[in-house]
N, C-alpha and C. Protein backbone atom coordinates (compact mmCIF):
# COMPACT_ATOMS: atom_id res chain seq x y z
N MET A 1 89.14 123.92 110.59
CA MET A 1 88.42 125.13 110.32
C MET A 1 89.08 126.26 111.10
N LYS A 2 89.42 127.32 110.44
CA LYS A 2 90.01 128.48 111.10
C LYS A 2 88.89 129.42 111.52
N LEU A 3 88.92 129.82 112.79
CA LEU A 3 87.88 130.69 113.33
C LEU A 3 88.50 131.96 113.89
N GLU A 4 87.67 132.95 114.07
CA GLU A 4 88.08 134.17 114.74
C GLU A 4 88.34 133.86 116.21
N ASP A 5 88.93 134.81 116.92
CA ASP A 5 89.15 134.62 118.36
C ASP A 5 87.83 134.46 119.10
N ARG A 6 86.79 135.12 118.59
CA ARG A 6 85.46 135.02 119.18
C ARG A 6 84.44 134.78 118.08
N ILE A 7 83.52 133.89 118.38
CA ILE A 7 82.42 133.64 117.44
C ILE A 7 81.12 133.58 118.23
N LYS A 8 80.02 133.70 117.53
CA LYS A 8 78.71 133.53 118.15
C LYS A 8 78.26 132.10 117.89
N VAL A 9 77.83 131.44 118.96
CA VAL A 9 77.33 130.07 118.87
C VAL A 9 75.86 130.09 119.24
N ARG A 10 75.05 129.45 118.41
CA ARG A 10 73.61 129.43 118.65
C ARG A 10 73.23 128.14 119.37
N THR A 11 72.42 128.28 120.43
CA THR A 11 71.89 127.14 121.17
C THR A 11 70.56 127.55 121.79
N LYS A 12 69.78 126.59 122.20
CA LYS A 12 68.51 126.91 122.88
C LYS A 12 68.82 127.53 124.24
N ARG A 13 67.90 128.33 124.76
CA ARG A 13 68.10 129.00 126.05
C ARG A 13 68.01 128.06 127.24
N LYS A 14 67.11 127.10 127.19
CA LYS A 14 66.85 126.24 128.35
C LYS A 14 67.47 124.86 128.16
N SER A 15 68.00 124.31 129.25
CA SER A 15 68.57 122.96 129.17
C SER A 15 67.48 121.93 128.86
N SER A 16 66.24 122.20 129.26
CA SER A 16 65.14 121.28 128.96
C SER A 16 64.86 121.20 127.46
N ALA A 17 65.35 122.19 126.71
CA ALA A 17 65.22 122.19 125.25
C ALA A 17 66.55 121.82 124.60
N CYS A 18 67.42 121.15 125.37
CA CYS A 18 68.75 120.71 124.92
C CYS A 18 69.73 121.86 124.73
N GLY A 19 69.48 122.98 125.36
CA GLY A 19 70.39 124.11 125.28
C GLY A 19 71.66 123.88 126.09
N VAL A 20 72.71 124.60 125.75
CA VAL A 20 74.00 124.50 126.42
C VAL A 20 74.27 125.82 127.12
N ASP A 21 74.68 125.77 128.39
CA ASP A 21 74.98 126.98 129.16
C ASP A 21 76.44 127.36 128.94
N LEU A 22 76.68 128.38 128.13
CA LEU A 22 78.02 128.87 127.83
C LEU A 22 78.20 130.25 128.46
N GLN A 23 79.34 130.48 129.06
CA GLN A 23 79.62 131.75 129.72
C GLN A 23 80.54 132.60 128.85
N VAL A 24 80.23 133.87 128.70
CA VAL A 24 81.06 134.80 127.94
C VAL A 24 82.43 134.87 128.61
N GLY A 25 83.48 134.85 127.82
CA GLY A 25 84.83 134.96 128.33
C GLY A 25 85.49 133.63 128.65
N GLU A 26 84.73 132.55 128.62
CA GLU A 26 85.29 131.22 128.87
C GLU A 26 85.70 130.59 127.54
N GLU A 27 86.64 129.66 127.59
CA GLU A 27 87.12 128.97 126.40
C GLU A 27 86.53 127.56 126.41
N TYR A 28 85.93 127.16 125.29
CA TYR A 28 85.23 125.88 125.21
C TYR A 28 85.67 125.06 124.01
N LEU A 29 85.51 123.76 124.13
CA LEU A 29 85.50 122.86 122.98
C LEU A 29 84.03 122.67 122.67
N ILE A 30 83.62 123.05 121.48
CA ILE A 30 82.21 122.98 121.09
C ILE A 30 82.10 122.19 119.79
N SER A 31 81.19 121.25 119.77
CA SER A 31 80.90 120.54 118.52
C SER A 31 79.45 120.82 118.15
N GLY A 32 79.14 120.60 116.90
CA GLY A 32 77.79 120.87 116.43
C GLY A 32 77.76 120.97 114.92
N HIS A 33 76.90 121.83 114.42
CA HIS A 33 76.73 122.03 112.98
C HIS A 33 77.22 123.42 112.59
N VAL A 34 77.82 123.50 111.40
CA VAL A 34 78.21 124.78 110.82
C VAL A 34 77.36 124.96 109.58
N LYS A 35 76.65 126.07 109.52
CA LYS A 35 75.76 126.35 108.39
C LYS A 35 76.21 127.65 107.74
N LYS A 36 76.59 127.56 106.48
CA LYS A 36 77.02 128.73 105.72
C LYS A 36 75.79 129.28 105.01
N ARG A 37 75.32 130.44 105.45
CA ARG A 37 74.13 131.03 104.84
C ARG A 37 74.47 131.88 103.62
N SER A 38 75.61 132.52 103.67
CA SER A 38 76.05 133.35 102.56
C SER A 38 77.56 133.52 102.69
N GLN A 39 78.12 134.27 101.78
CA GLN A 39 79.55 134.55 101.82
C GLN A 39 79.93 135.26 103.12
N TYR A 40 79.00 135.98 103.71
CA TYR A 40 79.29 136.80 104.89
C TYR A 40 78.68 136.27 106.19
N GLU A 41 77.86 135.24 106.12
CA GLU A 41 77.19 134.77 107.33
C GLU A 41 77.33 133.26 107.50
N THR A 42 77.91 132.88 108.63
CA THR A 42 78.04 131.49 109.02
C THR A 42 77.41 131.33 110.39
N ILE A 43 76.62 130.27 110.56
CA ILE A 43 75.96 130.02 111.84
C ILE A 43 76.58 128.77 112.47
N TYR A 44 76.97 128.91 113.73
CA TYR A 44 77.51 127.80 114.51
C TYR A 44 76.42 127.39 115.48
N ASP A 45 75.95 126.16 115.37
CA ASP A 45 74.78 125.69 116.12
C ASP A 45 75.17 124.46 116.93
N THR A 46 74.82 124.43 118.22
CA THR A 46 75.12 123.28 119.06
C THR A 46 73.96 123.00 120.00
N ASN A 47 73.99 121.84 120.63
CA ASN A 47 73.02 121.50 121.67
C ASN A 47 73.67 120.51 122.63
N SER A 48 72.96 120.11 123.65
CA SER A 48 73.54 119.26 124.69
C SER A 48 73.83 117.83 124.24
N CYS A 49 73.39 117.44 123.05
CA CYS A 49 73.71 116.11 122.53
C CYS A 49 75.11 116.05 121.93
N PHE A 50 75.71 117.21 121.66
CA PHE A 50 77.05 117.26 121.09
C PHE A 50 78.10 117.34 122.20
N TRP A 51 79.36 117.22 121.81
CA TRP A 51 80.49 117.29 122.74
C TRP A 51 80.80 118.76 123.00
N ASN A 52 80.46 119.25 124.18
CA ASN A 52 80.71 120.63 124.58
C ASN A 52 81.25 120.62 126.00
N ASP A 53 82.42 121.22 126.20
CA ASP A 53 83.00 121.26 127.54
C ASP A 53 84.00 122.41 127.61
N LYS A 54 84.28 122.86 128.82
CA LYS A 54 85.31 123.88 128.99
C LYS A 54 86.65 123.31 128.54
N TRP A 55 87.42 124.12 127.82
CA TRP A 55 88.69 123.67 127.26
C TRP A 55 89.62 123.15 128.35
N GLN A 56 89.63 123.76 129.51
CA GLN A 56 90.53 123.35 130.59
C GLN A 56 90.21 121.95 131.11
N ARG A 57 89.02 121.45 130.85
CA ARG A 57 88.63 120.10 131.27
C ARG A 57 89.00 119.02 130.26
N ILE A 58 89.40 119.44 129.06
CA ILE A 58 89.77 118.49 128.01
C ILE A 58 91.19 117.99 128.29
N SER A 59 91.39 116.69 128.27
CA SER A 59 92.72 116.13 128.57
C SER A 59 93.74 116.62 127.55
N VAL A 60 94.99 116.67 127.98
CA VAL A 60 96.08 117.11 127.11
C VAL A 60 96.18 116.19 125.89
N ALA A 61 96.00 114.89 126.09
CA ALA A 61 96.06 113.94 124.97
C ALA A 61 94.98 114.24 123.94
N THR A 62 93.78 114.55 124.40
CA THR A 62 92.68 114.88 123.48
C THR A 62 92.94 116.21 122.80
N GLN A 63 93.46 117.20 123.52
CA GLN A 63 93.81 118.49 122.90
C GLN A 63 94.82 118.29 121.78
N ARG A 64 95.85 117.48 122.03
CA ARG A 64 96.86 117.20 120.99
C ARG A 64 96.21 116.54 119.77
N ALA A 65 95.36 115.55 120.02
CA ALA A 65 94.68 114.86 118.92
C ALA A 65 93.83 115.82 118.11
N LEU A 66 93.16 116.75 118.78
CA LEU A 66 92.35 117.74 118.07
C LEU A 66 93.22 118.65 117.22
N PHE A 67 94.35 119.12 117.76
CA PHE A 67 95.24 119.99 117.00
C PHE A 67 95.85 119.26 115.80
N LYS A 68 96.02 117.95 115.91
CA LYS A 68 96.54 117.15 114.80
C LYS A 68 95.42 116.74 113.83
N ARG A 69 94.21 117.16 114.12
CA ARG A 69 93.03 116.89 113.30
C ARG A 69 92.69 115.40 113.21
N GLU A 70 93.02 114.66 114.27
CA GLU A 70 92.72 113.23 114.29
C GLU A 70 91.23 112.96 114.42
N PHE A 71 90.45 113.94 114.83
CA PHE A 71 89.00 113.79 114.94
C PHE A 71 88.27 114.41 113.76
N ASP A 72 89.00 114.86 112.74
CA ASP A 72 88.40 115.55 111.60
C ASP A 72 87.95 114.53 110.56
N HIS A 73 86.72 114.07 110.69
CA HIS A 73 86.19 113.06 109.76
C HIS A 73 85.51 113.69 108.55
N CYS A 74 85.46 115.01 108.52
CA CYS A 74 84.81 115.69 107.39
C CYS A 74 85.69 115.71 106.15
N HIS A 75 86.98 115.50 106.32
CA HIS A 75 87.90 115.61 105.19
C HIS A 75 88.60 114.29 104.88
N LEU A 76 87.93 113.17 105.11
CA LEU A 76 88.52 111.86 104.83
C LEU A 76 88.53 111.58 103.35
């Protein structure tokens, strides 16, 4: 999936509600749901049950696998 340099990601505010604490300006690997509402509106939704971490913490081997789309099970 090709994304803009910046996107809005929706999550709950509190960790007790499974929310994810994301900081503006940081780079993350975020997994979750993508919901296309219309031609012009797409919602990116995540919570603490999904794989979310700062990009710098992701191993180089995993980064390579992601760029090669080895984890892309949506297009099998």
